[in-house]
Protein backbone atom coordinates (compact mmCIF):
# COMPACT_ATOMS: atom_id res chain seq x y z
CA MET A 1 -0.40 4.59 -11.91
CA THR A 2 -2.78 5.78 -14.60
CA LEU A 3 -6.17 4.96 -13.05
CA ARG A 4 -7.36 7.52 -10.51
CA LEU A 5 -10.08 6.30 -8.22
CA PRO A 6 -12.30 8.73 -6.32
CA LEU A 7 -11.38 9.10 -2.67
CA ILE A 8 -14.79 7.72 -1.67
CA TYR A 9 -15.97 4.39 -3.09
CA ALA A 10 -19.58 3.61 -2.13
CA ILE A 11 -20.99 0.10 -1.88
CA THR A 12 -24.73 -0.50 -1.82
CA ASP A 13 -26.01 -2.40 1.19
CA PRO A 14 -29.10 -4.62 0.78
CA SER A 15 -29.50 -4.85 4.55
CA ALA A 16 -30.49 -1.16 4.57
CA GLY A 17 -33.68 -2.12 2.76
CA ASP A 18 -33.46 0.60 0.11
CA ASP A 19 -33.69 0.14 -3.65
CA PRO A 20 -30.03 0.13 -4.82
CA VAL A 21 -30.91 2.26 -7.85
CA VAL A 22 -32.50 4.89 -5.62
CA VAL A 23 -29.47 4.75 -3.33
CA ALA A 24 -27.10 5.17 -6.26
CA ARG A 25 -29.08 8.16 -7.52
CA ARG A 26 -28.90 9.80 -4.09
CA LEU A 27 -25.18 9.17 -3.74
CA LEU A 28 -24.38 10.48 -7.21
CA ALA A 29 -26.44 13.61 -6.64
CA VAL A 30 -24.14 14.76 -3.84
CA GLY A 31 -20.90 13.90 -5.64
CA VAL A 32 -20.01 10.24 -5.04
CA ARG A 33 -18.24 9.06 -8.17
CA ALA A 34 -17.72 5.32 -7.63
CA VAL A 35 -20.63 2.99 -6.86
CA GLN A 36 -20.42 -0.77 -6.44
CA LEU A 37 -23.69 -2.68 -6.64
CA ARG A 38 -23.66 -5.52 -4.13
CA ASP A 39 -26.76 -7.61 -3.51
CA LYS A 40 -26.38 -11.37 -3.37
CA ALA A 41 -30.09 -11.91 -2.68
CA LEU A 42 -31.46 -10.44 -5.90
CA ALA A 43 -32.54 -12.81 -8.65
CA ASP A 44 -30.41 -12.60 -11.78
CA ARG A 45 -33.06 -10.75 -13.76
CA GLU A 46 -33.50 -8.16 -10.99
CA LEU A 47 -29.77 -7.80 -10.48
CA LEU A 48 -29.22 -7.20 -14.19
CA ALA A 49 -31.96 -4.58 -14.28
CA ALA A 50 -30.47 -2.83 -11.25
CA ALA A 51 -26.96 -2.99 -12.72
CA GLU A 52 -28.13 -1.52 -16.03
CA ALA A 53 -29.95 1.30 -14.23
CA VAL A 54 -26.96 2.08 -11.99
CA ALA A 55 -24.65 1.98 -15.00
CA GLY A 56 -26.81 4.52 -16.80
CA LEU A 57 -26.88 6.85 -13.82
CA CYS A 58 -23.11 6.58 -13.40
CA ARG A 59 -22.42 7.27 -17.07
CA ALA A 60 -24.55 10.40 -16.89
CA ALA A 61 -22.64 11.58 -13.82
CA GLY A 62 -19.18 10.63 -15.10
CA ALA A 63 -18.87 8.06 -12.31
CA LEU A 64 -17.52 4.52 -12.08
CA ALA A 65 -20.06 1.69 -11.83
CA LEU A 66 -19.15 -1.81 -10.67
CA VAL A 67 -20.97 -5.02 -9.81
CA ASN A 68 -19.80 -7.21 -6.97
CA ASP A 69 -18.70 -10.76 -7.96
CA ARG A 70 -20.85 -11.23 -11.05
CA VAL A 71 -18.75 -11.05 -14.19
CA ASP A 72 -21.71 -12.12 -16.34
CA ILE A 73 -23.93 -9.32 -15.03
CA ALA A 74 -21.12 -6.78 -15.38
CA GLY A 75 -20.57 -7.77 -19.00
CA LEU A 76 -24.25 -7.49 -19.87
CA ALA A 77 -24.77 -4.22 -18.01
CA GLY A 78 -21.58 -2.55 -19.19
CA THR A 79 -20.08 -2.05 -15.74
CA GLY A 80 -16.84 -2.97 -14.07
CA VAL A 81 -16.63 -5.88 -11.65
CA HIS A 82 -15.16 -6.37 -8.20
CA LEU A 83 -13.92 -9.90 -7.51
CA GLY A 84 -13.52 -11.68 -4.18
CA GLU A 85 -11.07 -14.48 -3.52
CA ASP A 86 -13.69 -17.14 -4.32
CA ASP A 87 -14.75 -15.53 -7.59
CA LEU A 88 -13.28 -15.91 -11.06
CA PRO A 89 -9.62 -14.91 -11.28
CA ALA A 90 -9.08 -11.49 -12.80
CA ARG A 91 -7.46 -12.96 -15.92
CA GLU A 92 -10.54 -15.12 -16.60
CA ALA A 93 -12.84 -12.15 -16.04
CA ARG A 94 -10.72 -10.08 -18.41
CA ALA A 95 -11.25 -12.66 -21.15
CA ILE A 96 -15.03 -12.39 -20.74
CA LEU A 97 -15.53 -8.67 -20.26
CA PRO A 98 -15.31 -6.09 -23.06
CA PRO A 99 -12.02 -4.24 -23.50
CA GLY A 100 -11.50 -1.48 -20.96
CA ALA A 101 -13.88 -2.89 -18.35
CA LEU A 102 -12.70 -2.07 -14.84
CA ILE A 103 -11.64 -5.03 -12.68
CA GLY A 104 -10.85 -4.85 -8.99
CA VAL A 105 -9.81 -7.69 -6.68
CA SER A 106 -10.07 -8.18 -2.93
CA THR A 107 -7.05 -9.09 -0.80
CA HIS A 108 -6.64 -9.62 2.92
CA ASP A 109 -2.92 -9.36 3.64
CA ALA A 110 0.01 -7.38 2.32
CA GLN A 111 1.52 -10.33 0.44
CA ALA A 112 -1.72 -11.07 -1.39
CA ALA A 113 -2.05 -7.39 -2.23
CA GLN A 114 1.41 -7.36 -3.79
CA CYS A 115 0.55 -10.41 -5.91
CA ALA A 116 -2.64 -8.72 -7.04
CA PHE A 117 -0.74 -5.57 -7.96
CA GLU A 118 1.52 -7.68 -10.19
CA ASP A 119 -1.42 -9.26 -12.00
CA PRO A 120 -1.81 -7.42 -15.33
CA ALA A 121 -5.51 -8.34 -15.43
CA SER A 122 -6.45 -6.24 -12.38
CA ASP A 123 -6.95 -2.47 -12.45
CA TYR A 124 -7.06 -1.84 -8.71
CA VAL A 125 -6.69 -3.80 -5.50
CA ALA A 126 -8.89 -3.69 -2.40
CA PHE A 127 -7.47 -4.49 1.03
CA GLY A 128 -9.28 -5.30 4.24
CA PRO A 129 -10.96 -5.45 6.52
CA VAL A 130 -8.86 -2.63 7.90
CA PHE A 131 -11.06 -2.27 10.99
CA GLU A 132 -13.71 -4.41 12.59
CA SER A 133 -16.60 -4.46 10.16
CA GLY A 134 -20.28 -5.19 10.33
CA THR A 135 -20.22 -6.62 6.80
CA LYS A 136 -16.80 -8.34 6.85
CA THR A 137 -17.21 -10.45 9.98
CA GLN A 138 -15.44 -13.61 8.81
CA ARG A 139 -11.96 -12.08 9.13
CA PRO A 140 -10.22 -10.16 11.92
CA PRO A 141 -9.27 -6.55 11.20
CA ARG A 142 -5.87 -6.08 9.59
CA GLY A 143 -5.16 -2.61 10.94
CA LEU A 144 -3.50 0.48 9.57
CA GLU A 145 0.04 -0.88 9.72
CA GLU A 146 -0.83 -3.81 7.47
CA LEU A 147 -2.68 -1.41 5.18
CA ALA A 148 0.47 0.71 4.95
CA ARG A 149 2.53 -2.39 4.11
CA ALA A 150 0.06 -3.30 1.37
CA ALA A 151 0.21 0.25 -0.01
CA ALA A 152 3.99 0.51 -0.08
CA GLY A 153 5.29 0.82 -3.63
CA ARG A 154 1.87 0.10 -5.15
CA PRO A 155 1.76 0.44 -8.95
CA LYS A 156 -2.06 0.53 -9.01
CA PRO A 157 -4.72 2.19 -6.87
CA LEU A 158 -5.45 0.64 -3.48
CA VAL A 159 -8.95 0.70 -1.97
CA ALA A 160 -9.22 0.28 1.79
CA ILE A 161 -12.34 -1.50 3.01
CA GLY A 162 -13.84 -2.64 6.28
CA GLY A 163 -15.17 -0.58 9.17
CA ILE A 164 -14.21 2.74 7.59
CA THR A 165 -15.99 5.72 9.11
CA SER A 166 -15.55 9.42 8.53
CA ALA A 167 -13.49 9.62 11.71
CA ARG A 168 -11.05 7.08 10.25
CA LEU A 169 -10.78 8.42 6.71
CA ASP A 170 -7.73 10.61 7.23
CA ALA A 171 -5.85 7.77 8.91
CA VAL A 172 -6.73 5.42 6.04
CA TRP A 173 -5.57 7.90 3.40
CA ASP A 174 -2.45 8.71 5.40
CA ALA A 175 -1.62 4.99 5.46
CA GLY A 176 -1.51 5.02 1.67
CA ALA A 177 -5.00 4.10 0.48
CA ASP A 178 -6.03 5.88 -2.69
CA SER A 179 -9.71 5.30 -2.04
CA ALA A 180 -11.88 4.31 0.92
CA ALA A 181 -14.81 1.95 0.47
CA MET A 182 -17.72 2.87 2.71
CA ILE A 183 -20.87 0.93 3.42
CA GLY A 184 -22.42 1.09 6.89
CA GLU A 185 -21.72 4.72 7.71
CA LEU A 186 -23.23 5.92 4.44
CA TYR A 187 -26.56 4.44 5.53
CA ALA A 188 -26.47 5.45 9.19
CA GLY A 189 -29.76 6.95 10.32
CA GLY A 190 -31.07 6.90 6.75
CA ARG A 191 -29.15 10.15 6.15
CA ILE A 192 -27.42 9.01 2.98
CA GLU A 193 -26.84 12.48 1.51
CA ASP A 194 -25.54 14.02 4.74
CA ASN A 195 -23.27 11.05 5.45
CA ALA A 196 -21.87 11.07 1.93
CA ARG A 197 -21.32 14.84 2.03
CA LYS A 198 -19.34 14.53 5.24
CA ALA A 199 -17.05 11.89 3.77
CA LEU A 200 -16.64 13.67 0.44
CA ASP A 201 -15.82 16.98 2.09
CA LEU A 202 -13.07 15.39 4.18
CA GLY A 203 -11.48 14.27 0.94
CA ARG A 204 -11.98 17.66 -0.68
CA ARG A 205 -10.25 19.36 2.22
CA ARG A 206 -7.18 17.23 1.57
CA GLY A 207 -7.10 17.84 -2.15
CA ARG A 208 -8.35 21.32 -2.98
CA ARG A 209 -6.64 24.35 -1.58
CA GLY A 210 -6.30 27.84 -2.95
CA ARG A 211 -8.84 30.54 -3.66
CA ILE A 212 -12.30 29.92 -5.10
CA TYR A 213 -13.99 33.01 -6.57
CA LEU A 214 -17.75 32.85 -7.05
CA VAL A 215 -18.90 35.01 -9.94
CA GLY A 216 -22.27 35.66 -11.51
CA PHE A 217 -25.23 37.97 -11.67
CA MET A 218 -26.81 39.74 -8.70
CA ALA A 219 -29.10 37.54 -6.58
CA GLY A 220 -27.39 34.44 -7.95
CA GLY A 221 -26.64 33.07 -4.49
CA LYS A 222 -22.93 33.87 -4.33
CA SER A 223 -23.04 34.98 -0.70
CA SER A 224 -25.28 32.27 0.75
CA VAL A 225 -23.73 29.44 -1.27
CA GLY A 226 -20.24 30.81 -0.66
CA ARG A 227 -20.68 30.72 3.10
CA ARG A 228 -21.77 27.11 2.96
CA LEU A 229 -18.91 26.15 0.65
CA ALA A 230 -16.43 27.73 3.00
CA GLU A 231 -17.89 25.81 5.95
CA ARG A 232 -17.78 22.52 4.10
CA LEU A 233 -14.19 23.05 2.91
CA ALA A 234 -13.06 24.54 6.24
CA LEU A 235 -11.89 27.72 4.52
CA PRO A 236 -12.29 31.42 5.31
CA PHE A 237 -15.15 33.18 3.56
CA VAL A 238 -14.95 36.70 2.14
CA ASP A 239 -17.82 38.64 0.60
CA LEU A 240 -16.28 41.57 -1.29
CA ASP A 241 -19.40 43.73 -1.12
CA ASP A 242 -19.74 43.09 2.62
CA GLU A 243 -16.10 44.01 3.18
CA ILE A 244 -16.48 47.23 1.21
CA GLU A 245 -19.57 48.17 3.22
CA ARG A 246 -17.93 47.26 6.55
CA THR A 247 -14.79 49.30 5.96
CA SER A 248 -16.52 52.31 4.39
CA GLY A 249 -19.48 52.43 6.73
CA LYS A 250 -21.73 52.83 3.68
CA THR A 251 -23.89 50.51 1.67
CA VAL A 252 -22.89 49.62 -1.87
CA ARG A 253 -25.93 51.52 -3.07
CA ALA A 254 -24.87 54.63 -1.14
CA ILE A 255 -21.36 54.45 -2.60
CA PHE A 256 -22.82 54.25 -6.10
CA GLU A 257 -25.12 57.21 -5.45
CA GLU A 258 -22.49 59.41 -3.78
CA SER A 259 -19.37 58.56 -5.76
CA GLY A 260 -20.52 56.80 -8.90
CA GLU A 261 -19.87 53.36 -10.32
CA ALA A 262 -16.28 54.11 -11.40
CA ALA A 263 -15.24 54.94 -7.83
CA PHE A 264 -16.90 51.77 -6.56
CA ARG A 265 -15.09 49.66 -9.18
CA GLU A 266 -11.74 51.06 -8.07
CA ARG A 267 -12.50 50.11 -4.49
CA GLU A 268 -13.76 46.71 -5.56
CA ALA A 269 -10.56 46.04 -7.53
CA ALA A 270 -8.44 46.98 -4.52
CA PHE A 271 -10.34 44.61 -2.24
CA LEU A 272 -10.08 41.87 -4.85
CA ALA A 273 -6.31 42.36 -5.02
CA ALA A 274 -6.13 42.11 -1.23
CA THR A 275 -7.49 38.55 -1.32
CA GLU A 276 -4.00 37.47 -2.41
CA SER A 277 -3.06 37.64 1.28
CA LEU A 278 -5.32 34.62 1.91
CA PRO A 279 -3.61 31.37 0.86
CA ALA A 280 -6.98 29.69 0.54
CA ALA A 281 -10.51 31.03 0.78
CA VAL A 282 -13.95 31.19 -0.78
CA ILE A 283 -14.59 34.68 -2.13
CA ALA A 284 -17.99 35.96 -3.27
CA THR A 285 -17.64 38.75 -5.80
CA GLY A 286 -20.15 41.41 -6.78
CA GLY A 287 -22.28 41.05 -9.89
CA GLY A 288 -20.15 43.43 -11.95
CA CYS A 289 -16.74 42.32 -10.73
CA PHE A 290 -16.04 39.62 -13.32
CA ALA A 291 -17.28 41.87 -16.13
CA GLN A 292 -14.09 43.94 -15.68
CA GLU A 293 -11.17 42.59 -17.70
CA ASP A 294 -8.52 43.46 -15.10
CA ASN A 295 -10.52 41.62 -12.45
CA ARG A 296 -10.87 38.54 -14.64
CA ARG A 297 -7.13 38.47 -15.18
CA ARG A 298 -6.43 38.88 -11.49
CA ILE A 299 -8.85 36.11 -10.51
CA GLY A 300 -7.32 33.85 -13.15
CA ARG A 301 -3.91 34.42 -11.59
CA LEU A 302 -5.01 34.07 -7.98
CA GLY A 303 -7.44 31.17 -8.09
CA THR A 304 -10.39 29.50 -9.78
CA ALA A 305 -13.51 31.34 -10.89
CA VAL A 306 -16.81 29.50 -10.56
CA PHE A 307 -19.84 30.87 -12.37
CA LEU A 308 -23.14 30.38 -10.53
CA ASP A 309 -25.36 30.04 -13.58
CA VAL A 310 -28.87 31.12 -12.60
CA ALA A 311 -31.70 31.90 -15.03
CA LEU A 312 -32.96 35.45 -15.42
CA GLU A 313 -36.43 34.38 -14.27
CA THR A 314 -34.96 33.19 -10.98
CA VAL A 315 -33.12 36.49 -10.54
CA ARG A 316 -36.31 38.45 -11.21
CA ALA A 317 -38.20 36.45 -8.59
CA ARG A 318 -35.47 36.94 -5.99
CA LEU A 319 -35.23 40.70 -6.61
CA LYS A 320 -38.96 41.35 -6.46
CA GLY A 321 -39.51 44.13 -3.93
CA LYS A 322 -35.78 44.66 -3.34
CA THR A 323 -34.45 48.21 -3.18
CA ASP A 324 -30.81 47.68 -2.14
CA ARG A 325 -29.32 46.83 -5.54
CA PRO A 326 -27.73 49.92 -7.10
CA LEU A 327 -27.99 48.66 -10.67
CA PHE A 328 -31.51 47.26 -10.45
CA ARG A 329 -33.92 49.91 -11.64
CA SER A 330 -36.54 48.08 -13.70
CA GLY A 331 -37.31 44.69 -15.17
CA GLU A 332 -36.37 45.82 -18.66
CA GLN A 333 -33.07 47.31 -17.52
CA LEU A 334 -32.34 44.13 -15.52
CA GLY A 335 -32.77 42.03 -18.66
CA ARG A 336 -30.38 44.21 -20.62
CA LEU A 337 -27.76 44.09 -17.88
CA PHE A 338 -28.12 40.31 -17.59
CA ALA A 339 -27.57 39.89 -21.34
CA GLU A 340 -24.62 42.29 -21.26
CA ARG A 341 -22.80 40.51 -18.45
CA SER A 342 -23.58 36.87 -19.24
CA PRO A 343 -20.80 36.46 -21.85
CA PHE A 344 -18.22 37.54 -19.28
CA TYR A 345 -19.48 35.10 -16.65
CA ARG A 346 -19.20 32.29 -19.18
CA MET A 347 -15.47 32.96 -19.42
CA ALA A 348 -15.09 31.37 -15.97
CA PRO A 349 -13.36 27.97 -16.19
CA VAL A 350 -15.96 26.33 -13.93
CA ALA A 351 -19.73 26.67 -14.10
CA ALA A 352 -22.42 25.31 -11.80
CA VAL A 353 -25.93 25.44 -13.23
CA LEU A 354 -28.46 26.22 -10.51
CA GLY A 355 -32.17 25.84 -11.10
CA GLY A 356 -33.19 28.23 -8.38
CA ALA A 357 -35.28 25.74 -6.40
CA GLU A 358 -32.33 24.04 -4.70
CA THR A 359 -31.56 24.42 -1.03
CA VAL A 360 -28.28 26.14 -0.20
CA GLU A 361 -26.84 22.69 0.58
CA GLU A 362 -27.89 21.32 -2.79
CA ALA A 363 -26.48 24.37 -4.56
CA ALA A 364 -23.21 23.85 -2.70
CA ASP A 365 -23.23 20.22 -3.88
CA ARG A 366 -23.44 21.37 -7.49
CA VAL A 367 -20.57 23.81 -7.08
CA LEU A 368 -18.38 21.22 -5.37
CA ILE A 369 -19.15 18.63 -8.02
CA ALA A 370 -18.24 21.15 -10.73
CA LEU A 371 -14.96 21.84 -8.95
CA ASP A 372 -14.30 18.11 -8.55
CA ASP A 373 -14.82 17.61 -12.28
CA PHE A 374 -12.53 20.54 -13.06
CA ASP A 375 -9.81 19.18 -10.77
CA LYS A 376 -10.10 15.71 -12.33
CA LEU A 377 -9.55 17.16 -15.79
CA HIS A 378 -6.65 19.34 -14.73
CA GLY A 379 -4.89 16.78 -12.58
């Protein structure tokens, strides 16, 4: 099985009344990486325009774009196509589409799924409806047992579809589905971003374990973003500076003033080493931690470093009026320190560029997307 589908496969829903291009943009912004455009009511010209726009957005995000049913539109827009049982056979679609175009086919029982898996023209197989569905009303639900039968020994990815909610995702994946197609729940209450985040994070909790170390300059958001990441991934959160202050009964600034930076770095290194006792966690490091070679090596051995890449102007604005940072003495000195440390931060294998105007939730999205991309590349 060479094709890897994202765990969440979003399908646009014209009944929600939203522009499908706007919906796709919103879904992609929070990390959805497979979007199927489905709108049987649009005129051909409008459907093509929407497909081309969605395809462009997906290419920019490194996501899969597909059109439901319409092989002609998919070919013109440069997307993949998803075919129902009344559409062109996959082999005919393959003859029309450019080489490498993604083709998926719908099936409704385990035997049909096995036949579709054997068809060399298809790239993935969809099965459903697994549960009672508001959009797949013409067929009774097949259930998890039939889904598991369809998934057994599959040589290609299997997408489960039909009535899938966040509460059912784990059961669907446990039954053998590689991806879960979601429609109705993504649109519930108009809260597309929140609904997509919930589904995506359930998948992330299954896939990513281990330690995530947030590195970067002071006032970069490591503590606030780290707490939210830990909540979304259901992991413990550790702030190294907070732990040092809690156990010493002194602020970081006081430690610097009383004992000097070298003594603080020794303590910091010891606390960093102690994170090995946590099998999985989100750890916020201090601004100078990753600038130390021994710390970089230790983090590389223990987990994944993520650089929160924030502009100096943003840091200056956040530090205005602050007096608790031991190494912040003036604007000029801050600039020198920023330039000195930046090359070390860029050694981190993962980077999330933050503009400074994002909410904590949006910043967490960017970090999680960067981690998703890293995991996809490193298998």
